[in-house]
Amino acid sequence: MIPACFLGGGVFCLCCDLIARTAFSPAEPGVSSVTAALGAPVVIAVMLGRKGREGR
């Protein structure tokens, strides 16, 4: 599980870097802003999913 997390995190960061460089071509935003914009909904979904399972 840990190697898969390392690999998944690296691929996610590379994709965010690619998006930051190509989608906003003239002005390059920081990779952290793209990572936050794409990662925040995932974290919120995981938190809401766990909240629903705790009641069972």
C-alpha atoms as a PDB file:
ATOM      1  CA  MET A   1       0.000   0.000   0.000  1.00  0.00           C
ATOM      2  CA  ILE A   2       2.796   2.452   0.836  1.00  0.00           C
ATOM      3  CA  PRO A   3       4.611   2.070  -2.527  1.00  0.00           C
ATOM      4  CA  ALA A   4       1.291   2.608  -4.302  1.00  0.00           C
ATOM      5  CA  CYS A   5       0.772   5.810  -2.299  1.00  0.00           C
ATOM      6  CA  PHE A   6       4.250   7.029  -3.236  1.00  0.00           C
ATOM      7  CA  LEU A   7       3.648   6.288  -6.903  1.00  0.00           C
ATOM      8  CA  GLY A   8       0.145   7.778  -6.888  1.00  0.00           C
ATOM      9  CA  GLY A   9       1.307  10.948  -5.167  1.00  0.00           C
ATOM     10  CA  GLY A  10       4.154  11.398  -7.601  1.00  0.00           C
ATOM     11  CA  VAL A  11       1.899  10.928 -10.611  1.00  0.00           C
ATOM     12  CA  PHE A  12      -0.639  13.347  -9.131  1.00  0.00           C
ATOM     13  CA  CYS A  13       2.047  16.014  -8.621  1.00  0.00           C
ATOM     14  CA  LEU A  14       3.358  15.522 -12.147  1.00  0.00           C
ATOM     15  CA  CYS A  15      -0.154  15.894 -13.563  1.00  0.00           C
ATOM     16  CA  CYS A  16      -0.735  19.051 -11.528  1.00  0.00           C
ATOM     17  CA  ASP A  17       2.555  20.473 -12.797  1.00  0.00           C
ATOM     18  CA  LEU A  18       1.589  19.664 -16.375  1.00  0.00           C
ATOM     19  CA  ILE A  19      -1.811  21.316 -15.934  1.00  0.00           C
ATOM     20  CA  ALA A  20      -0.242  24.402 -14.344  1.00  0.00           C
ATOM     21  CA  ARG A  21       2.219  24.792 -17.215  1.00  0.00           C
ATOM     22  CA  THR A  22      -0.170  24.149 -20.121  1.00  0.00           C
ATOM     23  CA  ALA A  23      -3.634  25.301 -19.083  1.00  0.00           C
ATOM     24  CA  PHE A  24      -2.506  28.718 -17.862  1.00  0.00           C
ATOM     25  CA  SER A  25       0.165  29.171 -20.536  1.00  0.00           C
ATOM     26  CA  PRO A  26       1.148  32.868 -20.439  1.00  0.00           C
ATOM     27  CA  ALA A  27       1.024  33.113 -16.651  1.00  0.00           C
ATOM     28  CA  GLU A  28       2.242  30.070 -14.768  1.00  0.00           C
ATOM     29  CA  PRO A  29       0.535  29.639 -11.380  1.00  0.00           C
ATOM     30  CA  GLY A  30       2.198  27.652  -8.647  1.00  0.00           C
ATOM     31  CA  VAL A  31       1.832  23.908  -8.627  1.00  0.00           C
ATOM     32  CA  SER A  32       0.513  24.124  -5.076  1.00  0.00           C
ATOM     33  CA  SER A  33      -2.524  26.137  -6.172  1.00  0.00           C
ATOM     34  CA  VAL A  34      -3.451  23.557  -8.821  1.00  0.00           C
ATOM     35  CA  THR A  35      -2.823  20.741  -6.352  1.00  0.00           C
ATOM     36  CA  ALA A  36      -5.090  22.406  -3.798  1.00  0.00           C
ATOM     37  CA  ALA A  37      -7.828  23.032  -6.357  1.00  0.00           C
ATOM     38  CA  LEU A  38      -7.827  19.393  -7.468  1.00  0.00           C
ATOM     39  CA  GLY A  39      -7.097  17.778  -4.097  1.00  0.00           C
ATOM     40  CA  ALA A  40      -9.502  19.672  -1.836  1.00  0.00           C
ATOM     41  CA  PRO A  41     -12.689  18.142  -3.310  1.00  0.00           C
ATOM     42  CA  VAL A  42     -11.186  14.671  -2.912  1.00  0.00           C
ATOM     43  CA  VAL A  43     -10.338  15.278   0.746  1.00  0.00           C
ATOM     44  CA  ILE A  44     -13.827  16.677   1.399  1.00  0.00           C
ATOM     45  CA  ALA A  45     -15.445  13.663  -0.294  1.00  0.00           C
ATOM     46  CA  VAL A  46     -13.374  11.248   1.802  1.00  0.00           C
ATOM     47  CA  MET A  47     -14.282  13.100   4.999  1.00  0.00           C
ATOM     48  CA  LEU A  48     -17.986  13.085   4.156  1.00  0.00           C
ATOM     49  CA  GLY A  49     -17.836   9.409   3.233  1.00  0.00           C
ATOM     50  CA  ARG A  50     -16.296   8.505   6.569  1.00  0.00           C
ATOM     51  CA  LYS A  51     -18.844  10.590   8.427  1.00  0.00           C
ATOM     52  CA  GLY A  52     -21.668   8.618   6.808  1.00  0.00           C
ATOM     53  CA  ARG A  53     -20.077   5.264   7.685  1.00  0.00           C
ATOM     54  CA  GLU A  54     -19.590   6.121  11.367  1.00  0.00           C
ATOM     55  CA  GLY A  55     -23.334   6.028  12.002  1.00  0.00           C
ATOM     56  CA  ARG A  56     -23.646   2.383  10.948  1.00  0.00           C
END
